[in-house]
PDB file of N, CA and C in Angstrom:
ATOM      1  N   MET A   1      96.752  84.865 141.344  1.00  0.00           N
ATOM      2  CA  MET A   1      95.827  84.485 140.303  1.00  0.00           C
ATOM      3  C   MET A   1      96.577  84.594 138.980  1.00  0.00           C
ATOM      4  N   LYS A   2      96.332  83.667 138.076  1.00  0.00           N
ATOM      5  CA  LYS A   2      96.997  83.690 136.781  1.00  0.00           C
ATOM      6  C   LYS A   2      95.975  84.036 135.710  1.00  0.00           C
ATOM      7  N   VAL A   3      96.398  84.894 134.790  1.00  0.00           N
ATOM      8  CA  VAL A   3      95.540  85.294 133.673  1.00  0.00           C
ATOM      9  C   VAL A   3      96.304  85.070 132.379  1.00  0.00           C
ATOM     10  N   PRO A   4      95.574  84.868 131.272  1.00  0.00           N
ATOM     11  CA  PRO A   4      96.261  84.677 129.992  1.00  0.00           C
ATOM     12  C   PRO A   4      97.067  85.933 129.641  1.00  0.00           C
ATOM     13  N   SER A   5      98.237  85.718 129.040  1.00  0.00           N
ATOM     14  CA  SER A   5      99.070  86.858 128.643  1.00  0.00           C
ATOM     15  C   SER A   5      98.781  87.249 127.202  1.00  0.00           C
ATOM     16  N   ASN A   6      99.249  88.425 126.804  1.00  0.00           N
ATOM     17  CA  ASN A   6      99.098  88.897 125.430  1.00  0.00           C
ATOM     18  C   ASN A   6     100.235  88.416 124.535  1.00  0.00           C
ATOM     19  N   ASP A   7     101.115  87.665 125.093  1.00  0.00           N
ATOM     20  CA  ASP A   7     102.259  87.150 124.349  1.00  0.00           C
ATOM     21  C   ASP A   7     101.770  86.212 123.248  1.00  0.00           C
ATOM     22  N   PRO A   8     102.280  86.360 122.003  1.00  0.00           N
ATOM     23  CA  PRO A   8     101.831  85.476 120.922  1.00  0.00           C
ATOM     24  C   PRO A   8     102.119  84.004 121.188  1.00  0.00           C
ATOM     25  N   GLU A   9     103.094  83.723 122.043  1.00  0.00           N
ATOM     26  CA  GLU A   9     103.406  82.331 122.353  1.00  0.00           C
ATOM     27  C   GLU A   9     102.467  81.750 123.404  1.00  0.00           C
ATOM     28  N   GLY A  10     101.586  82.561 123.948  1.00  0.00           N
ATOM     29  CA  GLY A  10     100.632  82.098 124.948  1.00  0.00           C
ATOM     30  C   GLY A  10     101.211  82.151 126.345  1.00  0.00           C
ATOM     31  N   GLY A  11     100.654  81.376 127.233  1.00  0.00           N
ATOM     32  CA  GLY A  11     101.118  81.345 128.611  1.00  0.00           C
ATOM     33  C   GLY A  11     100.239  82.201 129.512  1.00  0.00           C
ATOM     34  N   THR A  12     100.632  82.248 130.749  1.00  0.00           N
ATOM     35  CA  THR A  12      99.864  83.020 131.719  1.00  0.00           C
ATOM     36  C   THR A  12     100.796  83.960 132.466  1.00  0.00           C
ATOM     37  N   VAL A  13     100.186  84.973 133.060  1.00  0.00           N
ATOM     38  CA  VAL A  13     100.917  85.943 133.862  1.00  0.00           C
ATOM     39  C   VAL A  13     100.294  85.945 135.247  1.00  0.00           C
ATOM     40  N   ALA A  14     101.120  85.854 136.272  1.00  0.00           N
ATOM     41  CA  ALA A  14     100.611  85.880 137.645  1.00  0.00           C
ATOM     42  C   ALA A  14     100.388  87.329 138.056  1.00  0.00           C
ATOM     43  N   ILE A  15      99.212  87.611 138.597  1.00  0.00           N
ATOM     44  CA  ILE A  15      98.922  88.942 139.111  1.00  0.00           C
ATOM     45  C   ILE A  15      98.477  88.809 140.559  1.00  0.00           C
ATOM     46  N   THR A  16      98.648  89.840 141.319  1.00  0.00           N
ATOM     47  CA  THR A  16      98.200  89.841 142.703  1.00  0.00           C
ATOM     48  C   THR A  16      97.187  90.955 142.890  1.00  0.00           C
ATOM     49  N   ALA A  17      96.271  90.732 143.788  1.00  0.00           N
ATOM     50  CA  ALA A  17      95.249  91.736 144.081  1.00  0.00           C
ATOM     51  C   ALA A  17      95.867  92.856 144.903  1.00  0.00           C
ATOM     52  N   PRO A  18      95.333  94.061 144.783  1.00  0.00           N
ATOM     53  CA  PRO A  18      95.826  95.157 145.618  1.00  0.00           C
ATOM     54  C   PRO A  18      95.611  94.841 147.098  1.00  0.00           C
ATOM     55  N   THR A  19      96.425  95.418 147.947  1.00  0.00           N
ATOM     56  CA  THR A  19      96.273  95.171 149.379  1.00  0.00           C
ATOM     57  C   THR A  19      94.987  95.812 149.875  1.00  0.00           C
ATOM     58  N   GLY A  20      94.445  95.257 150.929  1.00  0.00           N
ATOM     59  CA  GLY A  20      93.235  95.801 151.527  1.00  0.00           C
ATOM     60  C   GLY A  20      91.960  95.171 151.013  1.00  0.00           C
ATOM     61  N   ILE A  21      92.035  94.280 150.039  1.00  0.00           N
ATOM     62  CA  ILE A  21      90.858  93.605 149.513  1.00  0.00           C
ATOM     63  C   ILE A  21      90.731  92.264 150.213  1.00  0.00           C
ATOM     64  N   SER A  22      89.524  91.938 150.643  1.00  0.00           N
ATOM     65  CA  SER A  22      89.275  90.683 151.338  1.00  0.00           C
ATOM     66  C   SER A  22      89.706  89.507 150.476  1.00  0.00           C
ATOM     67  N   SER A  23      90.266  88.494 151.116  1.00  0.00           N
ATOM     68  CA  SER A  23      90.687  87.310 150.370  1.00  0.00           C
ATOM     69  C   SER A  23      89.492  86.596 149.761  1.00  0.00           C
ATOM     70  N   ASN A  24      88.301  86.762 150.340  1.00  0.00           N
ATOM     71  CA  ASN A  24      87.109  86.161 149.754  1.00  0.00           C
ATOM     72  C   ASN A  24      86.816  86.739 148.379  1.00  0.00           C
ATOM     73  N   LEU A  25      87.187  87.993 148.154  1.00  0.00           N
ATOM     74  CA  LEU A  25      86.877  88.635 146.887  1.00  0.00           C
ATOM     75  C   LEU A  25      87.994  88.480 145.864  1.00  0.00           C
ATOM     76  N   THR A  26      89.115  87.913 146.239  1.00  0.00           N
ATOM     77  CA  THR A  26      90.224  87.757 145.302  1.00  0.00           C
ATOM     78  C   THR A  26      90.382  86.325 144.824  1.00  0.00           C
ATOM     79  N   SER A  27      89.500  85.440 145.262  1.00  0.00           N
ATOM     80  CA  SER A  27      89.607  84.043 144.850  1.00  0.00           C
ATOM     81  C   SER A  27      88.635  83.778 143.709  1.00  0.00           C
ATOM     82  N   THR A  28      88.146  82.572 143.606  1.00  0.00           N
ATOM     83  CA  THR A  28      87.291  82.194 142.491  1.00  0.00           C
ATOM     84  C   THR A  28      86.028  83.027 142.440  1.00  0.00           C
ATOM     85  N   SER A  29      85.419  83.095 141.271  1.00  0.00           N
ATOM     86  CA  SER A  29      84.249  83.951 141.092  1.00  0.00           C
ATOM     87  C   SER A  29      83.056  83.464 141.912  1.00  0.00           C
ATOM     88  N   ASP A  30      82.914  82.156 142.097  1.00  0.00           N
ATOM     89  CA  ASP A  30      81.807  81.635 142.894  1.00  0.00           C
ATOM     90  C   ASP A  30      81.915  82.111 144.337  1.00  0.00           C
ATOM     91  N   VAL A  31      83.106  82.036 144.888  1.00  0.00           N
ATOM     92  CA  VAL A  31      83.330  82.480 146.260  1.00  0.00           C
ATOM     93  C   VAL A  31      83.131  83.984 146.351  1.00  0.00           C
ATOM     94  N   ALA A  32      83.621  84.714 145.360  1.00  0.00           N
ATOM     95  CA  ALA A  32      83.463  86.168 145.358  1.00  0.00           C
ATOM     96  C   ALA A  32      81.994  86.540 145.274  1.00  0.00           C
ATOM     97  N   PHE A  33      81.223  85.841 144.453  1.00  0.00           N
ATOM     98  CA  PHE A  33      79.788  86.130 144.347  1.00  0.00           C
ATOM     99  C   PHE A  33      79.079  85.861 145.661  1.00  0.00           C
ATOM    100  N   ARG A  34      79.417  84.746 146.293  1.00  0.00           N
ATOM    101  CA  ARG A  34      78.777  84.437 147.578  1.00  0.00           C
ATOM    102  C   ARG A  34      79.159  85.455 148.646  1.00  0.00           C
ATOM    103  N   ALA A  35      80.409  85.887 148.658  1.00  0.00           N
ATOM    104  CA  ALA A  35      80.841  86.891 149.627  1.00  0.00           C
ATOM    105  C   ALA A  35      80.137  88.218 149.364  1.00  0.00           C
ATOM    106  N   PHE A  36      80.003  88.604 148.082  1.00  0.00           N
ATOM    107  CA  PHE A  36      79.303  89.839 147.743  1.00  0.00           C
ATOM    108  C   PHE A  36      77.844  89.758 148.153  1.00  0.00           C
ATOM    109  N   THR A  37      77.196  88.619 147.870  1.00  0.00           N
ATOM    110  CA  THR A  37      75.786  88.450 148.220  1.00  0.00           C
ATOM    111  C   THR A  37      75.590  88.523 149.724  1.00  0.00           C
ATOM    112  N   LYS A  38      76.452  87.872 150.476  1.00  0.00           N
ATOM    113  CA  LYS A  38      76.357  87.916 151.927  1.00  0.00           C
ATOM    114  C   LYS A  38      76.505  89.346 152.432  1.00  0.00           C
ATOM    115  N   THR A  39      77.491  90.053 151.905  1.00  0.00           N
ATOM    116  CA  THR A  39      77.720  91.433 152.326  1.00  0.00           C
ATOM    117  C   THR A  39      76.519  92.311 151.976  1.00  0.00           C
ATOM    118  N   ALA A  40      75.963  92.130 150.782  1.00  0.00           N
ATOM    119  CA  ALA A  40      74.799  92.925 150.369  1.00  0.00           C
ATOM    120  C   ALA A  40      73.604  92.656 151.282  1.00  0.00           C
ATOM    121  N   PHE A  41      73.314  91.378 151.545  1.00  0.00           N
ATOM    122  CA  PHE A  41      72.202  91.055 152.434  1.00  0.00           C
ATOM    123  C   PHE A  41      72.426  91.623 153.830  1.00  0.00           C
ATOM    124  N   ASP A  42      73.636  91.497 154.342  1.00  0.00           N
ATOM    125  CA  ASP A  42      73.932  92.026 155.673  1.00  0.00           C
ATOM    126  C   ASP A  42      73.688  93.528 155.727  1.00  0.00           C
ATOM    127  N   TRP A  43      74.186  94.266 154.734  1.00  0.00           N
ATOM    128  CA  TRP A  43      74.001  95.720 154.734  1.00  0.00           C
ATOM    129  C   TRP A  43      72.523  96.094 154.611  1.00  0.00           C
ATOM    130  N   ILE A  44      71.785  95.385 153.779  1.00  0.00           N
ATOM    131  CA  ILE A  44      70.347  95.671 153.643  1.00  0.00           C
ATOM    132  C   ILE A  44      69.648  95.458 154.978  1.00  0.00           C
ATOM    133  N   PHE A  45      69.957  94.367 155.652  1.00  0.00           N
ATOM    134  CA  PHE A  45      69.327  94.101 156.944  1.00  0.00           C
ATOM    135  C   PHE A  45      69.720  95.153 157.979  1.00  0.00           C
ATOM    136  N   TYR A  46      70.989  95.515 158.031  1.00  0.00           N
ATOM    137  CA  TYR A  46      71.439  96.495 159.024  1.00  0.00           C
ATOM    138  C   TYR A  46      70.782  97.853 158.793  1.00  0.00           C
ATOM    139  N   VAL A  47      70.716  98.283 157.541  1.00  0.00           N
ATOM    140  CA  VAL A  47      70.088  99.574 157.236  1.00  0.00           C
ATOM    141  C   VAL A  47      68.603  99.534 157.579  1.00  0.00           C
ATOM    142  N   ALA A  48      67.932  98.443 157.254  1.00  0.00           N
ATOM    143  CA  ALA A  48      66.497  98.325 157.558  1.00  0.00           C
ATOM    144  C   ALA A  48      66.248  98.345 159.065  1.00  0.00           C
ATOM    145  N   ILE A  49      67.090  97.681 159.831  1.00  0.00           N
ATOM    146  CA  ILE A  49      66.932  97.680 161.283  1.00  0.00           C
ATOM    147  C   ILE A  49      67.167  99.073 161.851  1.00  0.00           C
ATOM    148  N   ILE A  50      68.187  99.755 161.364  1.00  0.00           N
ATOM    149  CA  ILE A  50      68.462 101.112 161.847  1.00  0.00           C
ATOM    150  C   ILE A  50      67.301 102.043 161.507  1.00  0.00           C
ATOM    151  N   LEU A  51      66.762 101.937 160.283  1.00  0.00           N
ATOM    152  CA  LEU A  51      65.626 102.774 159.909  1.00  0.00           C
ATOM    153  C   LEU A  51      64.402 102.485 160.778  1.00  0.00           C
ATOM    154  N   ALA A  52      64.142 101.218 161.057  1.00  0.00           N
ATOM    155  CA  ALA A  52      62.993 100.873 161.899  1.00  0.00           C
ATOM    156  C   ALA A  52      63.160 101.455 163.295  1.00  0.00           C
ATOM    157  N   VAL A  53      64.353 101.363 163.848  1.00  0.00           N
ATOM    158  CA  VAL A  53      64.591 101.920 165.186  1.00  0.00           C
ATOM    159  C   VAL A  53      64.436 103.445 165.162  1.00  0.00           C
ATOM    160  N   LEU A  54      64.923 104.093 164.105  1.00  0.00           N
ATOM    161  CA  LEU A  54      64.764 105.544 163.997  1.00  0.00           C
ATOM    162  C   LEU A  54      63.292 105.948 163.898  1.00  0.00           C
ATOM    163  N   PHE A  55      62.508 105.177 163.145  1.00  0.00           N
ATOM    164  CA  PHE A  55      61.077 105.469 163.061  1.00  0.00           C
ATOM    165  C   PHE A  55      60.385 105.251 164.404  1.00  0.00           C
ATOM    166  N   ILE A  56      60.810 104.253 165.156  1.00  0.00           N
ATOM    167  CA  ILE A  56      60.237 104.036 166.487  1.00  0.00           C
ATOM    168  C   ILE A  56      60.572 105.227 167.382  1.00  0.00           C
ATOM    169  N   MET A  57      61.803 105.694 167.313  1.00  0.00           N
ATOM    170  CA  MET A  57      62.184 106.856 168.124  1.00  0.00           C
ATOM    171  C   MET A  57      61.413 108.110 167.695  1.00  0.00           C
ATOM    172  N   TRP A  58      61.281 108.293 166.385  1.00  0.00           N
ATOM    173  CA  TRP A  58      60.550 109.462 165.875  1.00  0.00           C
ATOM    174  C   TRP A  58      59.096 109.430 166.327  1.00  0.00           C
ATOM    175  N   SER A  59      58.467 108.269 166.279  1.00  0.00           N
ATOM    176  CA  SER A  59      57.072 108.188 166.719  1.00  0.00           C
ATOM    177  C   SER A  59      56.963 108.422 168.222  1.00  0.00           C
ATOM    178  N   GLY A  60      57.957 107.977 168.988  1.00  0.00           N
ATOM    179  CA  GLY A  60      57.944 108.242 170.428  1.00  0.00           C
ATOM    180  C   GLY A  60      58.065 109.733 170.726  1.00  0.00           C
ATOM    181  N   ILE A  61      58.932 110.414 169.988  1.00  0.00           N
ATOM    182  CA  ILE A  61      59.059 111.864 170.173  1.00  0.00           C
ATOM    183  C   ILE A  61      57.781 112.560 169.752  1.00  0.00           C
ATOM    184  N   GLN A  62      57.198 112.142 168.634  1.00  0.00           N
ATOM    185  CA  GLN A  62      55.948 112.746 168.178  1.00  0.00           C
ATOM    186  C   GLN A  62      54.821 112.489 169.183  1.00  0.00           C
ATOM    187  N   TRP A  63      54.821 111.313 169.782  1.00  0.00           N
ATOM    188  CA  TRP A  63      53.796 110.975 170.759  1.00  0.00           C
ATOM    189  C   TRP A  63      53.911 111.880 171.987  1.00  0.00           C
ATOM    190  N   THR A  64      55.141 112.031 172.497  1.00  0.00           N
ATOM    191  CA  THR A  64      55.314 112.831 173.719  1.00  0.00           C
ATOM    192  C   THR A  64      55.127 114.324 173.475  1.00  0.00           C
ATOM    193  N   THR A  65      55.340 114.782 172.252  1.00  0.00           N
ATOM    194  CA  THR A  65      55.164 116.208 171.972  1.00  0.00           C
ATOM    195  C   THR A  65      53.819 116.528 171.336  1.00  0.00           C
ATOM    196  N   SER A  66      52.914 115.557 171.318  1.00  0.00           N
ATOM    197  CA  SER A  66      51.609 115.798 170.685  1.00  0.00           C
ATOM    198  C   SER A  66      50.779 116.814 171.464  1.00  0.00           C
ATOM    199  N   GLY A  67      51.017 116.929 172.746  1.00  0.00           N
ATOM    200  CA  GLY A  67      50.318 117.936 173.552  1.00  0.00           C
ATOM    201  C   GLY A  67      48.805 117.770 173.553  1.00  0.00           C
ATOM    202  N   GLY A  68      48.329 116.562 173.454  1.00  0.00           N
ATOM    203  CA  GLY A  68      46.888 116.323 173.497  1.00  0.00           C
ATOM    204  C   GLY A  68      46.213 116.441 172.146  1.00  0.00           C
ATOM    205  N   ASP A  69      46.939 116.789 171.114  1.00  0.00           N
ATOM    206  CA  ASP A  69      46.374 116.873 169.762  1.00  0.00           C
ATOM    207  C   ASP A  69      46.094 115.458 169.277  1.00  0.00           C
ATOM    208  N   VAL A  70      44.807 115.155 169.077  1.00  0.00           N
ATOM    209  CA  VAL A  70      44.396 113.794 168.730  1.00  0.00           C
ATOM    210  C   VAL A  70      44.982 113.361 167.382  1.00  0.00           C
ATOM    211  N   ALA A  71      45.030 114.250 166.419  1.00  0.00           N
ATOM    212  CA  ALA A  71      45.540 113.891 165.086  1.00  0.00           C
ATOM    213  C   ALA A  71      47.025 113.524 165.153  1.00  0.00           C
ATOM    214  N   ARG A  72      47.814 114.300 165.891  1.00  0.00           N
ATOM    215  CA  ARG A  72      49.246 114.003 166.013  1.00  0.00           C
ATOM    216  C   ARG A  72      49.466 112.727 166.819  1.00  0.00           C
ATOM    217  N   LEU A  73      48.642 112.496 167.839  1.00  0.00           N
ATOM    218  CA  LEU A  73      48.750 111.285 168.643  1.00  0.00           C
ATOM    219  C   LEU A  73      48.436 110.048 167.800  1.00  0.00           C
ATOM    220  N   GLU A  74      47.389 110.129 166.994  1.00  0.00           N
ATOM    221  CA  GLU A  74      47.027 109.006 166.125  1.00  0.00           C
ATOM    222  C   GLU A  74      48.116 108.747 165.078  1.00  0.00           C
ATOM    223  N   ALA A  75      48.709 109.814 164.538  1.00  0.00           N
ATOM    224  CA  ALA A  75      49.797 109.654 163.563  1.00  0.00           C
ATOM    225  C   ALA A  75      50.997 108.975 164.217  1.00  0.00           C
ATOM    226  N   ALA A  76      51.300 109.362 165.459  1.00  0.00           N
ATOM    227  CA  ALA A  76      52.420 108.745 166.174  1.00  0.00           C
ATOM    228  C   ALA A  76      52.142 107.270 166.445  1.00  0.00           C
ATOM    229  N   LYS A  77      50.920 106.946 166.847  1.00  0.00           N
ATOM    230  CA  LYS A  77      50.565 105.546 167.101  1.00  0.00           C
ATOM    231  C   LYS A  77      50.664 104.718 165.824  1.00  0.00           C
ATOM    232  N   ARG A  78      50.165 105.304 164.721  1.00  0.00           N
ATOM    233  CA  ARG A  78      50.204 104.592 163.445  1.00  0.00           C
ATOM    234  C   ARG A  78      51.665 104.370 162.997  1.00  0.00           C
ATOM    235  N   ARG A  79      52.492 105.390 163.134  1.00  0.00           N
ATOM    236  CA  ARG A  79      53.904 105.260 162.756  1.00  0.00           C
ATOM    237  C   ARG A  79      54.601 104.225 163.638  1.00  0.00           C
ATOM    238  N   LEU A  80      54.314 104.237 164.940  1.00  0.00           N
ATOM    239  CA  LEU A  80      54.913 103.267 165.856  1.00  0.00           C
ATOM    240  C   LEU A  80      54.500 101.848 165.487  1.00  0.00           C
ATOM    241  N   THR A  81      53.229 101.660 165.184  1.00  0.00           N
ATOM    242  CA  THR A  81      52.732 100.340 164.803  1.00  0.00           C
ATOM    243  C   THR A  81      53.430  99.835 163.543  1.00  0.00           C
ATOM    244  N   PHE A  82      53.504 100.691 162.521  1.00  0.00           N
ATOM    245  CA  PHE A  82      54.134 100.276 161.269  1.00  0.00           C
ATOM    246  C   PHE A  82      55.634 100.054 161.433  1.00  0.00           C
ATOM    247  N   ALA A  83      56.284 100.843 162.270  1.00  0.00           N
ATOM    248  CA  ALA A  83      57.721 100.654 162.501  1.00  0.00           C
ATOM    249  C   ALA A  83      57.993  99.326 163.203  1.00  0.00           C
ATOM    250  N   ILE A  84      57.173  98.985 164.166  1.00  0.00           N
ATOM    251  CA  ILE A  84      57.348  97.705 164.868  1.00  0.00           C
ATOM    252  C   ILE A  84      57.065  96.539 163.922  1.00  0.00           C
ATOM    253  N   ILE A  85      56.010  96.656 163.111  1.00  0.00           N
ATOM    254  CA  ILE A  85      55.710  95.606 162.140  1.00  0.00           C
ATOM    255  C   ILE A  85      56.867  95.463 161.153  1.00  0.00           C
ATOM    256  N   GLY A  86      57.413  96.586 160.685  1.00  0.00           N
ATOM    257  CA  GLY A  86      58.558  96.545 159.770  1.00  0.00           C
ATOM    258  C   GLY A  86      59.766  95.900 160.398  1.00  0.00           C
ATOM    259  N   LEU A  87      60.022  96.210 161.668  1.00  0.00           N
ATOM    260  CA  LEU A  87      61.166  95.619 162.367  1.00  0.00           C
ATOM    261  C   LEU A  87      60.997  94.110 162.502  1.00  0.00           C
ATOM    262  N   VAL A  88      59.795  93.670 162.834  1.00  0.00           N
ATOM    263  CA  VAL A  88      59.530  92.235 162.950  1.00  0.00           C
ATOM    264  C   VAL A  88      59.710  91.549 161.594  1.00  0.00           C
ATOM    265  N   ILE A  89      59.234  92.177 160.518  1.00  0.00           N
ATOM    266  CA  ILE A  89      59.382  91.590 159.181  1.00  0.00           C
ATOM    267  C   ILE A  89      60.852  91.483 158.796  1.00  0.00           C
ATOM    268  N   VAL A  90      61.627  92.531 159.081  1.00  0.00           N
ATOM    269  CA  VAL A  90      63.054  92.503 158.758  1.00  0.00           C
ATOM    270  C   VAL A  90      63.766  91.405 159.544  1.00  0.00           C
ATOM    271  N   LEU A  91      63.469  91.289 160.821  1.00  0.00           N
ATOM    272  CA  LEU A  91      64.107  90.249 161.632  1.00  0.00           C
ATOM    273  C   LEU A  91      63.707  88.853 161.165  1.00  0.00           C
ATOM    274  N   MET A  92      62.433  88.688 160.796  1.00  0.00           N
ATOM    275  CA  MET A  92      61.991  87.387 160.280  1.00  0.00           C
ATOM    276  C   MET A  92      62.666  87.076 158.944  1.00  0.00           C
ATOM    277  N   ALA A  93      62.820  88.087 158.081  1.00  0.00           N
ATOM    278  CA  ALA A  93      63.488  87.880 156.798  1.00  0.00           C
ATOM    279  C   ALA A  93      64.949  87.491 157.021  1.00  0.00           C
ATOM    280  N   PHE A  94      65.596  88.125 157.994  1.00  0.00           N
ATOM    281  CA  PHE A  94      66.972  87.800 158.331  1.00  0.00           C
ATOM    282  C   PHE A  94      67.087  86.325 158.711  1.00  0.00           C
ATOM    283  N   VAL A  95      66.196  85.877 159.579  1.00  0.00           N
ATOM    284  CA  VAL A  95      66.229  84.477 160.033  1.00  0.00           C
ATOM    285  C   VAL A  95      65.909  83.535 158.877  1.00  0.00           C
ATOM    286  N   ILE A  96      64.919  83.887 158.051  1.00  0.00           N
ATOM    287  CA  ILE A  96      64.540  83.019 156.932  1.00  0.00           C
ATOM    288  C   ILE A  96      65.696  82.874 155.946  1.00  0.00           C
ATOM    289  N   VAL A  97      66.364  83.982 155.617  1.00  0.00           N
ATOM    290  CA  VAL A  97      67.502  83.909 154.699  1.00  0.00           C
ATOM    291  C   VAL A  97      68.598  83.042 155.285  1.00  0.00           C
ATOM    292  N   ARG A  98      68.878  83.191 156.567  1.00  0.00           N
ATOM    293  CA  ARG A  98      69.925  82.395 157.195  1.00  0.00           C
ATOM    294  C   ARG A  98      69.545  80.913 157.229  1.00  0.00           C
ATOM    295  N   VAL A  99      68.287  80.590 157.494  1.00  0.00           N
ATOM    296  CA  VAL A  99      67.853  79.193 157.511  1.00  0.00           C
ATOM    297  C   VAL A  99      67.997  78.587 156.117  1.00  0.00           C
ATOM    298  N   VAL A 100      67.591  79.327 155.088  1.00  0.00           N
ATOM    299  CA  VAL A 100      67.697  78.816 153.723  1.00  0.00           C
ATOM    300  C   VAL A 100      69.161  78.606 153.354  1.00  0.00           C
ATOM    301  N   ILE A 101      70.022  79.572 153.686  1.00  0.00           N
ATOM    302  CA  ILE A 101      71.444  79.438 153.346  1.00  0.00           C
ATOM    303  C   ILE A 101      72.063  78.238 154.045  1.00  0.00           C
ATOM    304  N   THR A 102      71.768  78.060 155.332  1.00  0.00           N
ATOM    305  CA  THR A 102      72.350  76.912 156.029  1.00  0.00           C
ATOM    306  C   THR A 102      71.758  75.601 155.525  1.00  0.00           C
ATOM    307  N   THR A 103      70.496  75.628 155.080  1.00  0.00           N
ATOM    308  CA  THR A 103      69.865  74.420 154.565  1.00  0.00           C
ATOM    309  C   THR A 103      70.477  73.990 153.239  1.00  0.00           C
ATOM    310  N   ILE A 104      70.846  74.948 152.394  1.00  0.00           N
ATOM    311  CA  ILE A 104      71.368  74.582 151.070  1.00  0.00           C
ATOM    312  C   ILE A 104      72.878  74.457 151.048  1.00  0.00           C
ATOM    313  N   GLY A 105      73.509  74.438 152.217  1.00  0.00           N
ATOM    314  CA  GLY A 105      74.925  74.136 152.224  1.00  0.00           C
ATOM    315  C   GLY A 105      75.814  75.129 152.936  1.00  0.00           C
ATOM    316  N   GLY A 106      75.261  76.135 153.561  1.00  0.00           N
ATOM    317  CA  GLY A 106      76.092  77.064 154.322  1.00  0.00           C
ATOM    318  C   GLY A 106      76.578  76.401 155.603  1.00  0.00           C
ATOM    319  N   ASN A 107      77.420  77.071 156.336  1.00  0.00           N
ATOM    320  CA  ASN A 107      77.973  76.551 157.579  1.00  0.00           C
ATOM    321  C   ASN A 107      76.938  76.692 158.692  1.00  0.00           C
ATOM    322  N   SER A 108      76.381  75.579 159.157  1.00  0.00           N
ATOM    323  CA  SER A 108      75.337  75.630 160.178  1.00  0.00           C
ATOM    324  C   SER A 108      75.879  76.027 161.543  1.00  0.00           C
ATOM    325  N   ASP A 109      77.194  75.919 161.746  1.00  0.00           N
ATOM    326  CA  ASP A 109      77.779  76.338 163.021  1.00  0.00           C
ATOM    327  C   ASP A 109      77.817  77.852 163.147  1.00  0.00           C
ATOM    328  N   ALA A 110      77.805  78.551 162.033  1.00  0.00           N
ATOM    329  CA  ALA A 110      77.852  80.017 162.040  1.00  0.00           C
ATOM    330  C   ALA A 110      76.534  80.549 161.500  1.00  0.00           C
ATOM    331  N   PHE A 111      75.438  80.326 162.236  1.00  0.00           N
ATOM    332  CA  PHE A 111      74.095  80.645 161.751  1.00  0.00           C
ATOM    333  C   PHE A 111      73.939  82.105 161.364  1.00  0.00           C
ATOM    334  N   PHE A 112      74.472  83.014 162.170  1.00  0.00           N
ATOM    335  CA  PHE A 112      74.291  84.427 161.871  1.00  0.00           C
ATOM    336  C   PHE A 112      75.309  84.936 160.861  1.00  0.00           C
ATOM    337  N   SER A 113      76.227  84.112 160.456  1.00  0.00           N
ATOM    338  CA  SER A 113      77.183  84.476 159.416  1.00  0.00           C
ATOM    339  C   SER A 113      77.600  83.210 158.666  1.00  0.00           C
ATOM    340  N   PRO A 114      76.664  82.577 157.944  1.00  0.00           N
ATOM    341  CA  PRO A 114      76.925  81.263 157.371  1.00  0.00           C
ATOM    342  C   PRO A 114      77.969  81.242 156.272  1.00  0.00           C
ATOM    343  N   LEU A 115      78.242  82.345 155.619  1.00  0.00           N
ATOM    344  CA  LEU A 115      79.223  82.332 154.545  1.00  0.00           C
ATOM    345  C   LEU A 115      80.570  82.875 154.995  1.00  0.00           C
ATOM    346  N   GLU A 116      80.724  83.108 156.277  1.00  0.00           N
ATOM    347  CA  GLU A 116      81.958  83.686 156.810  1.00  0.00           C
ATOM    348  C   GLU A 116      83.152  82.754 156.597  1.00  0.00           C
ATOM    349  N   ASN A 117      82.947  81.472 156.785  1.00  0.00           N
ATOM    350  CA  ASN A 117      84.054  80.525 156.714  1.00  0.00           C
ATOM    351  C   ASN A 117      83.999  79.718 155.425  1.00  0.00           C
ATOM    352  N   ILE A 118      83.971  80.406 154.303  1.00  0.00           N
ATOM    353  CA  ILE A 118      83.897  79.739 153.005  1.00  0.00           C
ATOM    354  C   ILE A 118      85.207  79.009 152.748  1.00  0.00           C
ATOM    355  N   GLN A 119      85.084  77.772 152.343  1.00  0.00           N
ATOM    356  CA  GLN A 119      86.280  77.006 152.017  1.00  0.00           C
ATOM    357  C   GLN A 119      86.762  77.449 150.639  1.00  0.00           C
ATOM    358  N   GLN A 120      87.987  77.914 150.574  1.00  0.00           N
ATOM    359  CA  GLN A 120      88.528  78.376 149.309  1.00  0.00           C
ATOM    360  C   GLN A 120      89.329  77.254 148.658  1.00  0.00           C
ATOM    361  N   THR A 121      89.086  77.053 147.376  1.00  0.00           N
ATOM    362  CA  THR A 121      89.865  76.074 146.637  1.00  0.00           C
ATOM    363  C   THR A 121      90.750  76.829 145.663  1.00  0.00           C
ATOM    364  N   PRO A 122      91.980  76.414 145.513  1.00  0.00           N
ATOM    365  CA  PRO A 122      92.871  77.123 144.596  1.00  0.00           C
ATOM    366  C   PRO A 122      92.392  76.984 143.148  1.00  0.00           C
ATOM    367  N   ALA A 123      92.528  78.049 142.389  1.00  0.00           N
ATOM    368  CA  ALA A 123      92.130  78.030 140.981  1.00  0.00           C
ATOM    369  C   ALA A 123      93.134  77.193 140.188  1.00  0.00           C
ATOM    370  N   THR A 124      92.618  76.438 139.241  1.00  0.00           N
ATOM    371  CA  THR A 124      93.514  75.652 138.391  1.00  0.00           C
ATOM    372  C   THR A 124      93.909  76.484 137.192  1.00  0.00           C
ATOM    373  N   PRO A 125      95.160  76.404 136.788  1.00  0.00           N
ATOM    374  CA  PRO A 125      95.630  77.225 135.649  1.00  0.00           C
ATOM    375  C   PRO A 125      95.082  76.763 134.338  1.00  0.00           C
TER     376      PRO A 125
END
């Protein structure tokens, strides 16, 4: 990547990104923004799915250890219901985001990772 130099005569200086940084994040800002957005959405979805599964497990443990206590059993049922509804909403949101991305120009061949194969164009000096 070339950046303007501090030299009074002008010109540019070539710099390289540190090693270990994805090439998607070292190219143009549009590509970097799309890569960041994809990564953020992916992490949000993964965390939400893990939390929903943990709540389902917690409600199952609460259900089995309720020992006939009606209040604890009802709380476990309510938590299980809400966890399943949350999981369905998260999965539907995942699909909706992917459909919108592929509709507006993402790679339709990579539905579950539409921005994975972003075409990079070299920056002009």
